[in-house]
């Protein structure tokens, strides 16, 4: 019985974490706001924007490289 309760608690905790992540980062398919300056975005946000603009080589780029590539692609910030 104790293992069952621990398992249920673990599943509930994972669900709560997933909900928190989706609230923080937006749901699936939600676009990164194009109104925010690139300097204020995290690397993950810059990467998502680079995906939307289909920038080649984005998976190997660091934050500064993503920012530069996005600026060159016409996304100023």
PDB file of N, CA and C in Angstrom:
ATOM      1  N   UNK A   1       0.826  -1.194   0.000  1.00  0.00           N
ATOM      2  CA  UNK A   1       0.000   0.000   0.000  1.00  0.00           C
ATOM      3  C   UNK A   1       0.871   1.259   0.000  1.00  0.00           C
ATOM      4  N   UNK A   2       1.956   1.197   0.755  1.00  0.00           N
ATOM      5  CA  UNK A   2       2.831   2.363   0.854  1.00  0.00           C
ATOM      6  C   UNK A   2       3.479   2.661  -0.507  1.00  0.00           C
ATOM      7  N   UNK A   3       3.898   1.612  -1.229  1.00  0.00           N
ATOM      8  CA  UNK A   3       4.492   1.806  -2.561  1.00  0.00           C
ATOM      9  C   UNK A   3       3.489   2.424  -3.527  1.00  0.00           C
ATOM     10  N   UNK A   4       2.249   2.020  -3.437  1.00  0.00           N
ATOM     11  CA  UNK A   4       1.207   2.575  -4.289  1.00  0.00           C
ATOM     12  C   UNK A   4       1.033   4.070  -4.027  1.00  0.00           C
ATOM     13  N   UNK A   5       1.013   4.455  -2.770  1.00  0.00           N
ATOM     14  CA  UNK A   5       0.870   5.875  -2.419  1.00  0.00           C
ATOM     15  C   UNK A   5       2.068   6.690  -2.885  1.00  0.00           C
ATOM     16  N   UNK A   6       3.261   6.109  -2.749  1.00  0.00           N
ATOM     17  CA  UNK A   6       4.468   6.804  -3.212  1.00  0.00           C
ATOM     18  C   UNK A   6       4.423   6.960  -4.732  1.00  0.00           C
ATOM     19  N   UNK A   7       3.980   5.922  -5.420  1.00  0.00           N
ATOM     20  CA  UNK A   7       3.859   5.988  -6.876  1.00  0.00           C
ATOM     21  C   UNK A   7       2.867   7.045  -7.321  1.00  0.00           C
ATOM     22  N   UNK A   8       1.740   7.103  -6.651  1.00  0.00           N
ATOM     23  CA  UNK A   8       0.723   8.109  -6.976  1.00  0.00           C
ATOM     24  C   UNK A   8       1.261   9.511  -6.715  1.00  0.00           C
ATOM     25  N   UNK A   9       1.965   9.674  -5.609  1.00  0.00           N
ATOM     26  CA  UNK A   9       2.544  10.984  -5.294  1.00  0.00           C
ATOM     27  C   UNK A   9       3.577  11.384  -6.341  1.00  0.00           C
ATOM     28  N   UNK A  10       4.372  10.419  -6.807  1.00  0.00           N
ATOM     29  CA  UNK A  10       5.391  10.708  -7.818  1.00  0.00           C
ATOM     30  C   UNK A  10       4.746  11.135  -9.134  1.00  0.00           C
ATOM     31  N   UNK A  11       3.704  10.440  -9.545  1.00  0.00           N
ATOM     32  CA  UNK A  11       3.001  10.795 -10.783  1.00  0.00           C
ATOM     33  C   UNK A  11       2.377  12.180 -10.657  1.00  0.00           C
ATOM     34  N   UNK A  12       1.787  12.465  -9.506  1.00  0.00           N
ATOM     35  CA  UNK A  12       1.185  13.787  -9.282  1.00  0.00           C
ATOM     36  C   UNK A  12       2.246  14.882  -9.344  1.00  0.00           C
ATOM     37  N   UNK A  13       3.416  14.614  -8.772  1.00  0.00           N
ATOM     38  CA  UNK A  13       4.502  15.596  -8.791  1.00  0.00           C
ATOM     39  C   UNK A  13       4.996  15.826 -10.222  1.00  0.00           C
ATOM     40  N   UNK A  14       5.140  14.760 -10.991  1.00  0.00           N
ATOM     41  CA  UNK A  14       5.563  14.906 -12.389  1.00  0.00           C
ATOM     42  C   UNK A  14       4.544  15.700 -13.198  1.00  0.00           C
ATOM     43  N   UNK A  15       3.277  15.439 -12.972  1.00  0.00           N
ATOM     44  CA  UNK A  15       2.229  16.171 -13.660  1.00  0.00           C
ATOM     45  C   UNK A  15       2.289  17.659 -13.299  1.00  0.00           C
ATOM     46  N   UNK A  16       2.473  17.951 -12.021  1.00  0.00           N
ATOM     47  CA  UNK A  16       2.560  19.351 -11.575  1.00  0.00           C
ATOM     48  C   UNK A  16       3.760  20.044 -12.210  1.00  0.00           C
ATOM     49  N   UNK A  17       4.879  19.334 -12.316  1.00  0.00           N
ATOM     50  CA  UNK A  17       6.067  19.912 -12.950  1.00  0.00           C
ATOM     51  C   UNK A  17       5.811  20.183 -14.433  1.00  0.00           C
ATOM     52  N   UNK A  18       5.160  19.248 -15.104  1.00  0.00           N
ATOM     53  CA  UNK A  18       4.866  19.429 -16.528  1.00  0.00           C
ATOM     54  C   UNK A  18       3.962  20.635 -16.749  1.00  0.00           C
ATOM     55  N   UNK A  19       2.969  20.793 -15.913  1.00  0.00           N
ATOM     56  CA  UNK A  19       2.063  21.937 -16.017  1.00  0.00           C
ATOM     57  C   UNK A  19       2.828  23.236 -15.800  1.00  0.00           C
ATOM     58  N   UNK A  20       3.718  23.249 -14.808  1.00  0.00           N
ATOM     59  CA  UNK A  20       4.501  24.456 -14.519  1.00  0.00           C
ATOM     60  C   UNK A  20       5.409  24.812 -15.699  1.00  0.00           C
ATOM     61  N   UNK A  21       6.034  23.813 -16.305  1.00  0.00           N
ATOM     62  CA  UNK A  21       6.917  24.061 -17.450  1.00  0.00           C
ATOM     63  C   UNK A  21       6.113  24.614 -18.622  1.00  0.00           C
ATOM     64  N   UNK A  22       4.958  24.033 -18.895  1.00  0.00           N
ATOM     65  CA  UNK A  22       4.132  24.526 -20.000  1.00  0.00           C
ATOM     66  C   UNK A  22       3.642  25.946 -19.746  1.00  0.00           C
ATOM     67  N   UNK A  23       3.307  26.256 -18.513  1.00  0.00           N
ATOM     68  CA  UNK A  23       2.875  27.622 -18.200  1.00  0.00           C
ATOM     69  C   UNK A  23       4.017  28.600 -18.385  1.00  0.00           C
ATOM     70  N   UNK A  24       5.234  28.189 -17.999  1.00  0.00           N
ATOM     71  CA  UNK A  24       6.389  29.078 -18.080  1.00  0.00           C
ATOM     72  C   UNK A  24       6.860  29.258 -19.519  1.00  0.00           C
ATOM     73  N   UNK A  25       6.908  28.171 -20.284  1.00  0.00           N
ATOM     74  CA  UNK A  25       7.449  28.217 -21.640  1.00  0.00           C
ATOM     75  C   UNK A  25       6.385  28.273 -22.722  1.00  0.00           C
ATOM     76  N   UNK A  26       5.149  28.204 -22.361  1.00  0.00           N
ATOM     77  CA  UNK A  26       4.083  28.200 -23.357  1.00  0.00           C
ATOM     78  C   UNK A  26       3.782  26.779 -23.793  1.00  0.00           C
ATOM     79  N   UNK A  27       2.602  26.605 -24.271  1.00  0.00           N
ATOM     80  CA  UNK A  27       2.161  25.279 -24.692  1.00  0.00           C
ATOM     81  C   UNK A  27       2.826  24.851 -25.979  1.00  0.00           C
ATOM     82  N   UNK A  28       2.569  23.623 -26.393  1.00  0.00           N
ATOM     83  CA  UNK A  28       3.148  23.121 -27.628  1.00  0.00           C
ATOM     84  C   UNK A  28       2.723  23.977 -28.815  1.00  0.00           C
ATOM     85  N   UNK A  29       3.683  24.300 -29.643  1.00  0.00           N
ATOM     86  CA  UNK A  29       3.382  25.071 -30.836  1.00  0.00           C
ATOM     87  C   UNK A  29       3.257  26.573 -30.610  1.00  0.00           C
ATOM     88  N   UNK A  30       3.407  27.014 -29.375  1.00  0.00           N
ATOM     89  CA  UNK A  30       3.305  28.448 -29.117  1.00  0.00           C
ATOM     90  C   UNK A  30       4.572  29.136 -29.606  1.00  0.00           C
ATOM     91  N   UNK A  31       4.402  30.181 -30.319  1.00  0.00           N
ATOM     92  CA  UNK A  31       5.536  30.897 -30.887  1.00  0.00           C
ATOM     93  C   UNK A  31       6.172  31.806 -29.846  1.00  0.00           C
ATOM     94  N   UNK A  32       7.463  32.038 -30.019  1.00  0.00           N
ATOM     95  CA  UNK A  32       8.177  32.980 -29.171  1.00  0.00           C
ATOM     96  C   UNK A  32       7.753  34.382 -29.577  1.00  0.00           C
ATOM     97  N   UNK A  33       7.530  35.227 -28.603  1.00  0.00           N
ATOM     98  CA  UNK A  33       7.092  36.588 -28.898  1.00  0.00           C
ATOM     99  C   UNK A  33       8.143  37.309 -29.721  1.00  0.00           C
ATOM    100  N   UNK A  34       7.724  37.846 -30.850  1.00  0.00           N
ATOM    101  CA  UNK A  34       8.658  38.569 -31.705  1.00  0.00           C
ATOM    102  C   UNK A  34       8.808  40.014 -31.254  1.00  0.00           C
ATOM    103  N   UNK A  35       8.127  40.364 -30.189  1.00  0.00           N
ATOM    104  CA  UNK A  35       8.190  41.737 -29.695  1.00  0.00           C
ATOM    105  C   UNK A  35       9.355  41.936 -28.718  1.00  0.00           C
ATOM    106  N   UNK A  36       9.833  40.855 -28.110  1.00  0.00           N
ATOM    107  CA  UNK A  36      10.929  40.959 -27.147  1.00  0.00           C
ATOM    108  C   UNK A  36      12.264  41.139 -27.857  1.00  0.00           C
ATOM    109  N   UNK A  37      13.135  41.965 -27.306  1.00  0.00           N
ATOM    110  CA  UNK A  37      14.468  42.108 -27.901  1.00  0.00           C
ATOM    111  C   UNK A  37      15.252  40.800 -27.794  1.00  0.00           C
ATOM    112  N   UNK A  38      16.074  40.518 -28.776  1.00  0.00           N
ATOM    113  CA  UNK A  38      16.863  39.293 -28.777  1.00  0.00           C
ATOM    114  C   UNK A  38      17.780  39.215 -27.562  1.00  0.00           C
ATOM    115  N   UNK A  39      18.279  40.361 -27.108  1.00  0.00           N
ATOM    116  CA  UNK A  39      19.181  40.383 -25.951  1.00  0.00           C
ATOM    117  C   UNK A  39      18.500  39.911 -24.672  1.00  0.00           C
ATOM    118  N   UNK A  40      17.183  40.013 -24.609  1.00  0.00           N
ATOM    119  CA  UNK A  40      16.444  39.616 -23.413  1.00  0.00           C
ATOM    120  C   UNK A  40      15.992  38.159 -23.437  1.00  0.00           C
ATOM    121  N   UNK A  41      16.225  37.461 -24.566  1.00  0.00           N
ATOM    122  CA  UNK A  41      15.766  36.083 -24.708  1.00  0.00           C
ATOM    123  C   UNK A  41      16.806  35.088 -24.220  1.00  0.00           C
ATOM    124  N   UNK A  42      16.334  33.941 -23.743  1.00  0.00           N
ATOM    125  CA  UNK A  42      17.225  32.860 -23.354  1.00  0.00           C
ATOM    126  C   UNK A  42      17.707  32.142 -24.611  1.00  0.00           C
ATOM    127  N   UNK A  43      18.686  31.274 -24.463  1.00  0.00           N
ATOM    128  CA  UNK A  43      19.187  30.505 -25.602  1.00  0.00           C
ATOM    129  C   UNK A  43      18.080  29.627 -26.174  1.00  0.00           C
ATOM    130  N   UNK A  44      17.263  29.032 -25.304  1.00  0.00           N
ATOM    131  CA  UNK A  44      16.165  28.188 -25.768  1.00  0.00           C
ATOM    132  C   UNK A  44      15.137  28.983 -26.573  1.00  0.00           C
ATOM    133  N   UNK A  45      14.844  30.190 -26.135  1.00  0.00           N
ATOM    134  CA  UNK A  45      13.902  31.033 -26.874  1.00  0.00           C
ATOM    135  C   UNK A  45      14.479  31.440 -28.230  1.00  0.00           C
ATOM    136  N   UNK A  46      15.764  31.768 -28.242  1.00  0.00           N
ATOM    137  CA  UNK A  46      16.418  32.116 -29.502  1.00  0.00           C
ATOM    138  C   UNK A  46      16.414  30.915 -30.446  1.00  0.00           C
ATOM    139  N   UNK A  47      16.658  29.730 -29.893  1.00  0.00           N
ATOM    140  CA  UNK A  47      16.662  28.518 -30.711  1.00  0.00           C
ATOM    141  C   UNK A  47      15.279  28.265 -31.308  1.00  0.00           C
ATOM    142  N   UNK A  48      14.230  28.441 -30.514  1.00  0.00           N
ATOM    143  CA  UNK A  48      12.868  28.245 -31.006  1.00  0.00           C
ATOM    144  C   UNK A  48      12.562  29.215 -32.140  1.00  0.00           C
ATOM    145  N   UNK A  49      12.974  30.449 -31.976  1.00  0.00           N
ATOM    146  CA  UNK A  49      12.773  31.442 -33.027  1.00  0.00           C
ATOM    147  C   UNK A  49      13.572  31.072 -34.283  1.00  0.00           C
ATOM    148  N   UNK A  50      14.785  30.561 -34.085  1.00  0.00           N
ATOM    149  CA  UNK A  50      15.605  30.128 -35.217  1.00  0.00           C
ATOM    150  C   UNK A  50      14.951  28.942 -35.932  1.00  0.00           C
ATOM    151  N   UNK A  51      14.292  28.062 -35.178  1.00  0.00           N
ATOM    152  CA  UNK A  51      13.548  26.952 -35.788  1.00  0.00           C
ATOM    153  C   UNK A  51      12.423  27.494 -36.655  1.00  0.00           C
ATOM    154  N   UNK A  52      11.692  28.468 -36.126  1.00  0.00           N
ATOM    155  CA  UNK A  52      10.569  29.041 -36.865  1.00  0.00           C
ATOM    156  C   UNK A  52      11.034  29.697 -38.160  1.00  0.00           C
ATOM    157  N   UNK A  53      12.249  30.263 -38.138  1.00  0.00           N
ATOM    158  CA  UNK A  53      12.790  30.918 -39.327  1.00  0.00           C
ATOM    159  C   UNK A  53      13.646  29.969 -40.160  1.00  0.00           C
ATOM    160  N   UNK A  54      13.740  28.710 -39.738  1.00  0.00           N
ATOM    161  CA  UNK A  54      14.477  27.661 -40.452  1.00  0.00           C
ATOM    162  C   UNK A  54      15.921  28.061 -40.721  1.00  0.00           C
ATOM    163  N   UNK A  55      16.602  28.533 -39.680  1.00  0.00           N
ATOM    164  CA  UNK A  55      18.003  28.932 -39.801  1.00  0.00           C
ATOM    165  C   UNK A  55      18.876  27.679 -39.739  1.00  0.00           C
ATOM    166  N   UNK A  56      19.676  27.438 -40.775  1.00  0.00           N
ATOM    167  CA  UNK A  56      20.512  26.229 -40.805  1.00  0.00           C
ATOM    168  C   UNK A  56      21.634  26.275 -39.768  1.00  0.00           C
ATOM    169  N   UNK A  57      21.969  25.115 -39.199  1.00  0.00           N
ATOM    170  CA  UNK A  57      23.055  25.010 -38.232  1.00  0.00           C
ATOM    171  C   UNK A  57      22.703  25.478 -36.843  1.00  0.00           C
ATOM    172  N   UNK A  58      21.440  25.765 -36.601  1.00  0.00           N
ATOM    173  CA  UNK A  58      21.022  26.350 -35.318  1.00  0.00           C
ATOM    174  C   UNK A  58      21.283  25.442 -34.120  1.00  0.00           C
ATOM    175  N   UNK A  59      21.248  24.133 -34.309  1.00  0.00           N
ATOM    176  CA  UNK A  59      21.398  23.226 -33.169  1.00  0.00           C
ATOM    177  C   UNK A  59      22.804  23.268 -32.579  1.00  0.00           C
ATOM    178  N   UNK A  60      23.781  23.682 -33.346  1.00  0.00           N
ATOM    179  CA  UNK A  60      25.156  23.759 -32.858  1.00  0.00           C
ATOM    180  C   UNK A  60      25.544  25.165 -32.410  1.00  0.00           C
ATOM    181  N   UNK A  61      24.649  26.118 -32.561  1.00  0.00           N
ATOM    182  CA  UNK A  61      24.974  27.510 -32.253  1.00  0.00           C
ATOM    183  C   UNK A  61      24.847  27.824 -30.768  1.00  0.00           C
ATOM    184  N   UNK A  62      25.739  28.696 -30.330  1.00  0.00           N
ATOM    185  CA  UNK A  62      25.655  29.230 -28.971  1.00  0.00           C
ATOM    186  C   UNK A  62      24.706  30.420 -28.988  1.00  0.00           C
ATOM    187  N   UNK A  63      24.405  30.934 -27.816  1.00  0.00           N
ATOM    188  CA  UNK A  63      23.434  32.025 -27.685  1.00  0.00           C
ATOM    189  C   UNK A  63      23.812  33.229 -28.553  1.00  0.00           C
ATOM    190  N   UNK A  64      25.066  33.643 -28.494  1.00  0.00           N
ATOM    191  CA  UNK A  64      25.483  34.815 -29.272  1.00  0.00           C
ATOM    192  C   UNK A  64      25.394  34.545 -30.769  1.00  0.00           C
ATOM    193  N   UNK A  65      25.708  33.313 -31.178  1.00  0.00           N
ATOM    194  CA  UNK A  65      25.621  32.959 -32.598  1.00  0.00           C
ATOM    195  C   UNK A  65      24.173  32.955 -33.075  1.00  0.00           C
ATOM    196  N   UNK A  66      23.275  32.451 -32.234  1.00  0.00           N
ATOM    197  CA  UNK A  66      21.854  32.467 -32.581  1.00  0.00           C
ATOM    198  C   UNK A  66      21.357  33.899 -32.730  1.00  0.00           C
ATOM    199  N   UNK A  67      21.769  34.755 -31.794  1.00  0.00           N
ATOM    200  CA  UNK A  67      21.361  36.160 -31.849  1.00  0.00           C
ATOM    201  C   UNK A  67      21.834  36.806 -33.152  1.00  0.00           C
ATOM    202  N   UNK A  68      23.082  36.546 -33.524  1.00  0.00           N
ATOM    203  CA  UNK A  68      23.641  37.097 -34.759  1.00  0.00           C
ATOM    204  C   UNK A  68      22.895  36.575 -35.984  1.00  0.00           C
ATOM    205  N   UNK A  69      22.656  35.258 -36.007  1.00  0.00           N
ATOM    206  CA  UNK A  69      21.956  34.652 -37.144  1.00  0.00           C
ATOM    207  C   UNK A  69      20.535  35.196 -37.276  1.00  0.00           C
ATOM    208  N   UNK A  70      19.866  35.393 -36.145  1.00  0.00           N
ATOM    209  CA  UNK A  70      18.508  35.939 -36.179  1.00  0.00           C
ATOM    210  C   UNK A  70      18.506  37.384 -36.652  1.00  0.00           C
ATOM    211  N   UNK A  71      19.506  38.134 -36.230  1.00  0.00           N
ATOM    212  CA  UNK A  71      19.611  39.528 -36.689  1.00  0.00           C
ATOM    213  C   UNK A  71      19.834  39.581 -38.181  1.00  0.00           C
ATOM    214  N   UNK A  72      20.692  38.694 -38.679  1.00  0.00           N
ATOM    215  CA  UNK A  72      20.971  38.653 -40.124  1.00  0.00           C
ATOM    216  C   UNK A  72      19.762  38.196 -40.922  1.00  0.00           C
ATOM    217  N   UNK A  73      18.918  37.380 -40.281  1.00  0.00           N
ATOM    218  CA  UNK A  73      17.717  36.862 -40.967  1.00  0.00           C
ATOM    219  C   UNK A  73      16.587  37.883 -40.958  1.00  0.00           C
ATOM    220  N   UNK A  74      16.865  39.063 -40.425  1.00  0.00           N
ATOM    221  CA  UNK A  74      15.859  40.115 -40.445  1.00  0.00           C
ATOM    222  C   UNK A  74      15.046  40.225 -39.170  1.00  0.00           C
ATOM    223  N   UNK A  75      15.432  39.491 -38.145  1.00  0.00           N
ATOM    224  CA  UNK A  75      14.734  39.587 -36.851  1.00  0.00           C
ATOM    225  C   UNK A  75      15.594  40.453 -35.952  1.00  0.00           C
ATOM    226  N   UNK A  76      15.309  41.748 -35.933  1.00  0.00           N
ATOM    227  CA  UNK A  76      16.132  42.671 -35.141  1.00  0.00           C
ATOM    228  C   UNK A  76      15.725  42.640 -33.697  1.00  0.00           C
ATOM    229  N   UNK A  77      16.589  43.139 -32.836  1.00  0.00           N
ATOM    230  CA  UNK A  77      16.262  43.152 -31.421  1.00  0.00           C
ATOM    231  C   UNK A  77      17.264  43.811 -30.653  1.00  0.00           C
TER     232      UNK A  77
END
